[in-house]
Amino acid sequence: MIPVCDLHVDTVLEIQGGADLHAGNPQGHVDIPRMRRGGAGLLVFACFVPSVLPVGRAFREATALLDKIDRTCSRFADDLVKVETAADAEAARAGGKIGILPAIENGHAIESDLGRLERLRRRGVRYMTLTHSRHLEWAASSGQAWSGTSGLGALGRDVVREMESLGILVDVSHVHESTFWDVIRVARKPVIASHSCASALCPLARNLTDDQIRAVAASGGMVGVNFFPGFLDPGYFAGQEATLEALFADLERIELEHADDPGRKIAETHRSAALARERQGPARADAAMVAAHMRHVVELVGDDHVGFGSDFDGVPVLPHDVPDCAAYPHVLARLAEEGFGEHQARKIAWGNFLRVLGESDR
């Protein structure tokens, strides 16, 4: 079985809410039994920090989630091991274990303090998504309207430089297009979009244009294709009352109302997701759409610059034939049906991110 590296799962939020990954977590998308069935070799556990958390609370939330990753890997040491490098990931796989690599989703976590980046790197963090659904004082988000000429402020440029000096990959998923191009001008190492899709196939500000994909590839980076139907299928939001903005607003409401009760927070998140599925009906998106976005990237820039960025445990709806991480082989089978050979599939599923991770260390 080809091992899979998934650049972005939000499973640490499930753990924070009380999920037991060994016993199984049927309310979520990821647990150890399904990781094993799906051939997971390396999962990036993204520590999501909501923009609505006040300064003084955001960094504390990031470190609390990193603590959860450490304790989870210690608790389930027969199956999971925390990794920081490509060599660590290969060693974990050789030892029959699944590598867990920490990342931060939303630069709000550092509270505009460059010194926090070094502290996060010491905890094993290897990438940070610069924004989420709201603008920061130093970086504009794709989730809000923006009229500025520069999306990355002076502090934002310093953040990018400091991240690169520490070996933290710059992740441009969620950023405004103006922020993206400012990052490309500043960056000297590979840039990633850990969980984004192709705007040419599904036109959304949250997705990447062809020019952006080319720029990510030119930096030596890669795109992790997101499995959320709203980013895959241009018809997903058509004719619905729901919008991407409403989805993010509901997430923020839950985060604010239950910030001090992680169990209730994840229960409300699951309830909101169930309501979304009931309201919207089965998703038309399937593994073929995931493969189509991967193929689009490959046709633009080659097979060195695309991978898996599922967003498992971070989205309310998934393709009907990719319900959880046990379905990674189904996506790989679809790639094979599309004419991708085993060597290409192995690069997409495993090798590309390890290459990028190694290059960020230099």
Protein backbone atom coordinates (compact mmCIF):
# COMPACT_ATOMS: atom_id res chain seq x y z
CA MET A 1 0.00 0.00 0.00
CA ILE A 2 1.28 3.47 -0.90
CA PRO A 3 1.77 5.49 2.32
CA VAL A 4 -0.14 8.75 2.53
CA CYS A 5 1.04 12.08 3.88
CA ASP A 6 -1.88 14.41 4.59
CA LEU A 7 -0.77 18.02 4.92
CA HIS A 8 -3.76 19.19 6.95
CA VAL A 9 -6.12 17.53 9.42
CA ASP A 10 -7.84 19.26 12.36
CA THR A 11 -8.01 16.13 14.51
CA VAL A 12 -6.33 17.76 17.50
CA LEU A 13 -9.61 19.65 18.02
CA GLU A 14 -11.39 16.29 18.30
CA ILE A 15 -8.77 15.17 20.82
CA GLN A 16 -9.23 18.39 22.78
CA GLY A 17 -12.95 17.62 22.87
CA GLY A 18 -12.36 14.20 24.40
CA ALA A 19 -11.96 11.84 21.42
CA ASP A 20 -10.03 8.62 22.00
CA LEU A 21 -8.15 7.93 18.77
CA HIS A 22 -7.39 4.34 19.70
CA ALA A 23 -10.96 3.38 20.58
CA GLY A 24 -12.24 5.06 17.43
CA ASN A 25 -13.95 8.39 16.85
CA PRO A 26 -17.01 7.78 14.67
CA GLN A 27 -18.17 11.39 15.02
CA GLY A 28 -14.93 12.53 13.41
CA HIS A 29 -12.94 11.63 10.31
CA VAL A 30 -9.66 10.39 11.78
CA ASP A 31 -8.74 7.76 14.34
CA ILE A 32 -6.00 5.13 14.60
CA PRO A 33 -7.97 2.17 13.19
CA ARG A 34 -8.98 4.20 10.13
CA MET A 35 -5.47 5.64 9.76
CA ARG A 36 -4.21 2.07 9.56
CA ARG A 37 -6.84 1.00 7.03
CA GLY A 38 -6.12 4.05 4.91
CA GLY A 39 -2.35 3.64 4.86
CA ALA A 40 -1.63 6.91 6.67
CA GLY A 41 2.10 7.41 7.05
CA LEU A 42 2.30 11.06 8.11
CA LEU A 43 -0.49 13.37 9.24
CA VAL A 44 0.02 17.06 9.89
CA PHE A 45 -2.06 17.93 12.95
CA ALA A 46 -3.03 21.57 12.49
CA CYS A 47 -3.58 23.49 15.73
CA PHE A 48 -6.38 25.89 14.78
CA VAL A 49 -6.51 29.15 16.72
CA PRO A 50 -9.68 31.20 16.05
CA SER A 51 -9.26 34.87 15.19
CA VAL A 52 -12.01 35.72 17.69
CA LEU A 53 -9.82 34.71 20.64
CA PRO A 54 -8.39 37.79 22.37
CA VAL A 55 -4.70 38.58 22.56
CA GLY A 56 -3.42 36.83 25.66
CA ARG A 57 -5.56 33.80 24.90
CA ALA A 58 -4.57 32.92 21.32
CA PHE A 59 -0.97 31.84 21.97
CA ARG A 60 -2.06 29.97 25.07
CA GLU A 61 -4.59 28.05 22.97
CA ALA A 62 -1.88 27.12 20.45
CA THR A 63 0.42 25.75 23.14
CA ALA A 64 -2.46 23.86 24.79
CA LEU A 65 -3.18 22.11 21.48
CA LEU A 66 0.51 21.30 21.05
CA ASP A 67 0.40 19.76 24.52
CA LYS A 68 -2.51 17.59 23.33
CA ILE A 69 -0.41 16.35 20.41
CA ASP A 70 2.49 15.47 22.71
CA ARG A 71 0.25 13.61 25.16
CA THR A 72 -1.58 11.78 22.37
CA CYS A 73 1.66 10.55 20.82
CA SER A 74 2.89 9.41 24.25
CA ARG A 75 -0.41 7.71 25.07
CA PHE A 76 -0.57 5.80 21.80
CA ALA A 77 3.16 5.29 21.31
CA ASP A 78 2.66 1.87 19.73
CA ASP A 79 0.97 3.56 16.78
CA LEU A 80 1.88 7.25 16.72
CA VAL A 81 5.13 9.17 16.97
CA LYS A 82 5.72 12.89 16.82
CA VAL A 83 8.05 13.85 13.98
CA GLU A 84 9.72 17.05 12.84
CA THR A 85 11.78 16.13 9.77
CA ALA A 86 11.53 14.06 6.61
CA ALA A 87 14.03 11.63 8.09
CA ASP A 88 11.84 11.29 11.20
CA ALA A 89 8.84 10.50 9.01
CA GLU A 90 10.71 7.85 7.05
CA ALA A 91 12.01 6.31 10.28
CA ALA A 92 8.49 6.23 11.72
CA ARG A 93 7.19 4.45 8.65
CA ALA A 94 10.06 1.97 8.71
CA GLY A 95 9.18 1.25 12.34
CA GLY A 96 5.54 0.64 11.55
CA LYS A 97 4.34 3.86 13.16
CA ILE A 98 2.36 6.84 11.89
CA GLY A 99 4.17 10.17 12.05
CA ILE A 100 2.35 13.15 13.54
CA LEU A 101 3.77 16.56 12.64
CA PRO A 102 2.49 19.71 14.42
CA ALA A 103 1.47 22.89 12.57
CA ILE A 104 -0.35 26.10 13.42
CA GLU A 105 -3.44 27.27 11.55
CA ASN A 106 -3.79 31.05 11.78
CA GLY A 107 -0.96 33.46 12.47
CA HIS A 108 -3.16 35.11 15.08
CA ALA A 109 -1.61 32.48 17.36
CA ILE A 110 1.62 34.48 17.66
CA GLU A 111 -0.22 37.65 18.74
CA SER A 112 2.06 39.83 16.56
CA ASP A 113 5.11 38.72 18.56
CA LEU A 114 7.99 37.36 16.49
CA GLY A 115 9.49 35.76 19.56
CA ARG A 116 6.54 33.39 19.72
CA LEU A 117 7.65 31.80 16.44
CA GLU A 118 10.83 30.44 17.99
CA ARG A 119 8.84 29.04 20.90
CA LEU A 120 6.50 27.29 18.48
CA ARG A 121 9.40 25.89 16.48
CA ARG A 122 10.89 24.46 19.67
CA ARG A 123 7.60 22.62 20.12
CA GLY A 124 8.05 20.96 16.73
CA VAL A 125 5.88 23.22 14.57
CA ARG A 126 6.85 22.98 10.89
CA TYR A 127 4.35 25.23 9.14
CA MET A 128 2.01 28.08 9.97
CA THR A 129 -1.00 29.21 7.98
CA LEU A 130 -0.66 33.00 7.98
CA THR A 131 -4.37 33.80 8.32
CA HIS A 132 -7.77 32.19 8.65
CA SER A 133 -11.14 33.80 7.88
CA ARG A 134 -10.33 37.28 9.23
CA HIS A 135 -7.65 39.86 8.47
CA LEU A 136 -4.79 40.22 10.91
CA GLU A 137 -3.09 43.52 11.52
CA TRP A 138 -0.18 42.24 9.42
CA ALA A 139 -1.86 39.99 6.80
CA ALA A 140 -5.10 40.10 4.80
CA SER A 141 -7.36 37.04 4.61
CA SER A 142 -9.35 35.68 1.68
CA GLY A 143 -12.32 35.48 4.06
CA GLN A 144 -13.02 39.22 4.09
CA ALA A 145 -13.20 42.03 1.56
CA TRP A 146 -9.91 43.87 1.14
CA SER A 147 -9.20 47.20 -0.56
CA GLY A 148 -5.55 47.63 0.38
CA THR A 149 -2.75 47.60 -2.16
CA SER A 150 -0.53 45.40 0.01
CA GLY A 151 -1.87 42.36 1.82
CA LEU A 152 1.25 41.75 3.90
CA GLY A 153 2.30 44.54 6.22
CA ALA A 154 5.81 45.31 7.43
CA LEU A 155 5.37 42.99 10.39
CA GLY A 156 4.02 40.34 8.05
CA ARG A 157 7.16 40.50 5.97
CA ASP A 158 9.22 40.07 9.13
CA VAL A 159 7.03 37.10 10.10
CA VAL A 160 7.74 35.39 6.76
CA ARG A 161 11.49 35.99 7.06
CA GLU A 162 11.59 34.75 10.65
CA MET A 163 9.56 31.65 9.82
CA GLU A 164 11.95 30.76 7.05
CA SER A 165 14.99 31.32 9.24
CA LEU A 166 13.53 28.91 11.81
CA GLY A 167 12.50 26.23 9.32
CA ILE A 168 8.76 26.91 9.59
CA LEU A 169 7.10 26.63 6.19
CA VAL A 170 4.93 29.57 5.11
CA ASP A 171 1.41 28.32 4.36
CA VAL A 172 -0.70 30.56 2.10
CA SER A 173 -4.01 28.71 2.37
CA HIS A 174 -6.64 31.23 3.56
CA VAL A 175 -4.67 34.35 2.60
CA HIS A 176 -5.94 37.11 0.34
CA GLU A 177 -4.46 37.15 -3.15
CA SER A 178 -2.63 40.41 -2.40
CA THR A 179 -1.07 38.75 0.67
CA PHE A 180 -0.11 35.77 -1.46
CA TRP A 181 1.85 37.84 -3.97
CA ASP A 182 3.56 39.80 -1.20
CA VAL A 183 4.64 36.49 0.35
CA ILE A 184 6.01 35.28 -2.97
CA ARG A 185 8.08 38.46 -3.27
CA VAL A 186 9.54 38.04 0.23
CA ALA A 187 9.97 34.26 0.49
CA ARG A 188 13.29 32.60 -0.28
CA LYS A 189 12.25 29.04 0.54
CA PRO A 190 9.40 26.78 -0.60
CA VAL A 191 5.91 28.10 0.05
CA ILE A 192 2.99 25.72 0.56
CA ALA A 193 -0.79 25.89 0.32
CA SER A 194 -1.57 23.07 2.72
CA HIS A 195 -5.30 22.72 2.03
CA SER A 196 -6.48 24.56 -1.08
CA CYS A 197 -7.94 23.69 -4.49
CA ALA A 198 -7.76 25.08 -8.02
CA SER A 199 -9.79 28.20 -8.76
CA ALA A 200 -9.89 27.25 -12.45
CA LEU A 201 -12.14 24.31 -11.51
CA CYS A 202 -13.98 25.94 -8.60
CA PRO A 203 -13.80 29.76 -8.60
CA LEU A 204 -13.53 30.92 -5.00
CA ALA A 205 -11.23 33.43 -3.34
CA ARG A 206 -10.24 30.61 -0.99
CA ASN A 207 -8.81 28.61 -3.92
CA LEU A 208 -5.67 29.27 -5.99
CA THR A 209 -5.53 30.74 -9.47
CA ASP A 210 -3.32 29.12 -12.07
CA ASP A 211 -0.79 31.91 -11.67
CA GLN A 212 -0.70 31.31 -7.93
CA ILE A 213 -0.18 27.59 -8.43
CA ARG A 214 2.69 28.34 -10.81
CA ALA A 215 4.24 30.68 -8.22
CA VAL A 216 3.98 28.06 -5.44
CA ALA A 217 5.70 25.55 -7.73
CA ALA A 218 8.38 28.06 -8.73
CA SER A 219 9.21 28.53 -5.04
CA GLY A 220 9.76 24.78 -4.77
CA GLY A 221 6.57 24.34 -2.78
CA MET A 222 3.35 22.43 -3.25
CA VAL A 223 -0.45 22.46 -2.99
CA GLY A 224 -2.29 20.03 -0.72
CA VAL A 225 -5.67 19.49 -2.37
CA ASN A 226 -8.58 20.05 0.03
CA PHE A 227 -11.40 17.47 0.12
CA PHE A 228 -14.18 19.93 1.10
CA PRO A 229 -16.90 19.80 -1.59
CA GLY A 230 -17.32 23.56 -1.40
CA PHE A 231 -13.77 23.98 -2.71
CA LEU A 232 -13.97 21.12 -5.22
CA ASP A 233 -17.38 21.59 -6.83
CA PRO A 234 -18.42 24.95 -8.34
CA GLY A 235 -22.05 23.94 -7.92
CA TYR A 236 -21.82 23.18 -4.22
CA PHE A 237 -23.03 26.53 -2.90
CA ALA A 238 -25.27 27.29 -5.90
CA GLY A 239 -28.93 27.52 -4.98
CA GLN A 240 -28.24 27.10 -1.26
CA GLU A 241 -28.78 29.52 1.56
CA ALA A 242 -25.40 28.47 2.94
CA THR A 243 -22.22 30.31 1.96
CA LEU A 244 -18.58 29.92 2.87
CA GLU A 245 -18.84 33.13 4.89
CA ALA A 246 -21.79 31.68 6.84
CA LEU A 247 -19.85 28.51 7.51
CA PHE A 248 -16.94 30.47 8.98
CA ALA A 249 -19.33 32.69 10.95
CA ASP A 250 -20.96 29.64 12.53
CA LEU A 251 -17.54 28.25 13.42
CA GLU A 252 -16.61 31.52 15.10
CA ARG A 253 -19.92 31.60 17.02
CA ILE A 254 -19.26 28.12 18.40
CA GLU A 255 -15.69 29.03 19.29
CA LEU A 256 -16.81 32.13 21.21
CA GLU A 257 -19.73 30.51 23.02
CA HIS A 258 -17.82 27.42 24.13
CA ALA A 259 -14.20 28.56 24.34
CA ASP A 260 -13.91 27.27 27.91
CA ASP A 261 -15.67 23.94 27.31
CA PRO A 262 -13.87 21.91 24.60
CA GLY A 263 -16.25 18.96 24.95
CA ARG A 264 -19.30 21.12 24.37
CA LYS A 265 -17.50 22.98 21.60
CA ILE A 266 -16.79 19.84 19.58
CA ALA A 267 -20.31 18.54 20.23
CA GLU A 268 -21.76 21.79 18.85
CA THR A 269 -19.39 21.59 15.88
CA HIS A 270 -20.66 18.07 15.12
CA ARG A 271 -24.27 19.23 15.52
CA SER A 272 -23.69 22.14 13.14
CA ALA A 273 -22.09 19.80 10.60
CA ALA A 274 -25.02 17.38 10.81
CA LEU A 275 -27.46 20.24 10.21
CA ALA A 276 -25.41 21.36 7.21
CA ARG A 277 -25.51 17.86 5.73
CA GLU A 278 -29.24 17.61 6.36
CA ARG A 279 -29.90 21.00 4.78
CA GLN A 280 -27.67 20.52 1.76
CA GLY A 281 -28.19 16.83 1.07
CA PRO A 282 -25.49 14.47 -0.20
CA ALA A 283 -22.49 16.16 -1.76
CA ARG A 284 -22.09 15.70 -5.49
CA ALA A 285 -18.33 15.86 -5.06
CA ASP A 286 -16.45 12.58 -5.13
CA ALA A 287 -12.95 11.18 -5.37
CA ALA A 288 -12.99 11.95 -9.09
CA MET A 289 -13.23 15.67 -8.27
CA VAL A 290 -10.31 15.41 -5.85
CA ALA A 291 -8.32 13.69 -8.60
CA ALA A 292 -9.39 16.36 -11.11
CA HIS A 293 -7.93 19.14 -8.95
CA MET A 294 -4.73 17.14 -8.51
CA ARG A 295 -4.56 16.55 -12.25
CA HIS A 296 -5.04 20.27 -12.90
CA VAL A 297 -2.03 21.09 -10.72
CA VAL A 298 0.05 18.38 -12.39
CA GLU A 299 -0.86 19.62 -15.88
CA LEU A 300 0.15 23.15 -14.88
CA VAL A 301 3.39 22.55 -12.99
CA GLY A 302 4.21 18.84 -12.93
CA ASP A 303 3.81 16.08 -10.39
CA ASP A 304 6.35 17.44 -7.87
CA HIS A 305 4.01 20.09 -6.51
CA VAL A 306 0.75 18.49 -5.38
CA GLY A 307 -0.38 16.30 -2.52
CA PHE A 308 -3.17 15.52 -0.07
CA GLY A 309 -4.53 18.31 2.16
CA SER A 310 -7.86 16.78 3.17
CA ASP A 311 -8.98 19.14 5.96
CA PHE A 312 -10.43 16.09 7.74
CA ASP A 313 -12.08 17.02 11.05
CA GLY A 314 -12.14 20.63 9.88
CA VAL A 315 -15.03 20.57 7.39
CA PRO A 316 -18.74 19.72 7.85
CA VAL A 317 -19.15 17.76 4.61
CA LEU A 318 -16.92 15.45 2.57
CA PRO A 319 -17.18 13.74 -0.83
CA HIS A 320 -19.71 10.92 -0.58
CA ASP A 321 -17.07 8.28 -1.38
CA VAL A 322 -14.31 9.82 0.78
CA PRO A 323 -15.96 9.93 4.21
CA ASP A 324 -12.80 9.63 6.32
CA CYS A 325 -9.10 8.83 6.31
CA ALA A 326 -9.73 5.13 5.60
CA ALA A 327 -10.64 6.25 2.07
CA TYR A 328 -7.16 7.45 1.08
CA PRO A 329 -6.72 4.30 -1.08
CA HIS A 330 -9.92 5.15 -2.93
CA VAL A 331 -8.44 8.52 -3.96
CA LEU A 332 -5.26 6.75 -5.06
CA ALA A 333 -7.33 4.24 -7.04
CA ARG A 334 -9.06 7.13 -8.77
CA LEU A 335 -5.68 8.63 -9.67
CA ALA A 336 -4.73 5.26 -11.18
CA GLU A 337 -7.94 5.29 -13.23
CA GLU A 338 -6.95 8.75 -14.45
CA GLY A 339 -3.68 7.31 -15.78
CA PHE A 340 -1.30 8.20 -12.95
CA GLY A 341 1.38 5.56 -12.55
CA GLU A 342 2.53 4.18 -9.21
CA HIS A 343 5.66 6.36 -9.21
CA GLN A 344 3.57 9.51 -9.69
CA ALA A 345 1.03 8.42 -7.10
CA ARG A 346 3.79 7.73 -4.57
CA LYS A 347 5.20 11.24 -5.10
CA ILE A 348 1.77 12.84 -4.71
CA ALA A 349 0.78 10.79 -1.68
CA TRP A 350 4.12 10.69 0.12
CA GLY A 351 7.29 12.03 -1.42
CA ASN A 352 6.47 15.59 -2.39
CA PHE A 353 5.86 16.92 1.10
CA LEU A 354 8.91 15.17 2.49
CA ARG A 355 11.02 16.86 -0.19
CA VAL A 356 9.56 20.28 0.66
CA LEU A 357 10.00 19.69 4.38
CA GLY A 358 13.66 18.80 3.82
CA GLU A 359 14.28 21.87 1.68
CA SER A 360 12.86 24.16 4.34
CA ASP A 361 15.59 22.97 6.72
CA ARG A 362 18.41 24.21 4.50
